[in-house]
């Protein structure tokens, strides 16, 4: 049976447009992490944070 581990990364919603955000995604990918979900959290009618959920094989 395949086993996985998971990682949650929280980012400010404004960082998505920065080149450093792509670097964050690429760095996780280079370590074997696959982005499987993302969602934002709203506060006071505005999105403030983005949650990224990654997984990778424990193999």
Protein backbone atom coordinates (compact mmCIF):
# COMPACT_ATOMS: atom_id res chain seq x y z
CA UNK A 1 0.00 0.00 0.00
CA UNK A 2 1.31 3.45 -0.94
CA UNK A 3 1.81 5.85 1.94
CA UNK A 4 1.96 9.61 1.71
CA UNK A 5 2.98 12.54 3.84
CA UNK A 6 1.35 15.94 3.60
CA UNK A 7 2.46 19.52 4.04
CA UNK A 8 0.41 22.68 4.51
CA UNK A 9 1.90 25.99 3.39
CA UNK A 10 0.19 29.29 4.18
CA UNK A 11 0.97 32.31 2.03
CA UNK A 12 -0.30 35.88 1.88
CA UNK A 13 -2.64 36.20 -1.10
CA UNK A 14 -0.57 39.10 -2.50
CA UNK A 15 2.52 36.90 -2.80
CA UNK A 16 0.92 34.88 -5.60
CA UNK A 17 1.90 37.50 -8.17
CA UNK A 18 5.53 37.65 -7.00
CA UNK A 19 8.30 35.63 -8.70
CA UNK A 20 9.19 34.24 -5.28
CA UNK A 21 5.85 32.40 -5.24
CA UNK A 22 6.83 30.40 -8.34
CA UNK A 23 10.16 29.66 -6.66
CA UNK A 24 8.30 28.36 -3.59
CA UNK A 25 6.24 26.02 -5.80
CA UNK A 26 9.29 24.88 -7.80
CA UNK A 27 11.33 24.26 -4.65
CA UNK A 28 8.59 22.03 -3.24
CA UNK A 29 8.31 20.21 -6.57
CA UNK A 30 12.07 19.61 -6.62
CA UNK A 31 11.74 17.94 -3.21
CA UNK A 32 9.04 15.60 -4.56
CA UNK A 33 6.02 17.49 -3.25
CA UNK A 34 2.94 17.63 -5.48
CA UNK A 35 0.40 20.45 -5.04
CA UNK A 36 -2.97 18.74 -4.56
CA UNK A 37 -5.21 21.54 -3.29
CA UNK A 38 -5.35 25.26 -2.66
CA UNK A 39 -7.92 27.53 -1.10
CA UNK A 40 -8.14 30.99 0.35
CA UNK A 41 -9.33 32.21 3.71
CA UNK A 42 -11.47 35.31 3.79
CA UNK A 43 -11.37 37.87 6.57
CA UNK A 44 -13.63 40.90 6.53
CA UNK A 45 -14.78 40.25 2.96
CA UNK A 46 -11.27 40.04 1.48
CA UNK A 47 -9.03 37.04 0.83
CA UNK A 48 -5.93 37.38 2.99
CA UNK A 49 -4.28 33.97 3.00
CA UNK A 50 -3.85 31.11 0.57
CA UNK A 51 -3.49 27.58 1.89
CA UNK A 52 -1.51 25.17 -0.27
CA UNK A 53 -1.68 21.43 0.41
CA UNK A 54 1.15 19.26 -0.91
CA UNK A 55 1.70 15.51 -0.75
CA UNK A 56 4.54 13.14 -1.57
CA UNK A 57 5.25 9.42 -1.36
CA UNK A 58 6.87 8.19 1.81
CA UNK A 59 8.57 5.49 -0.28
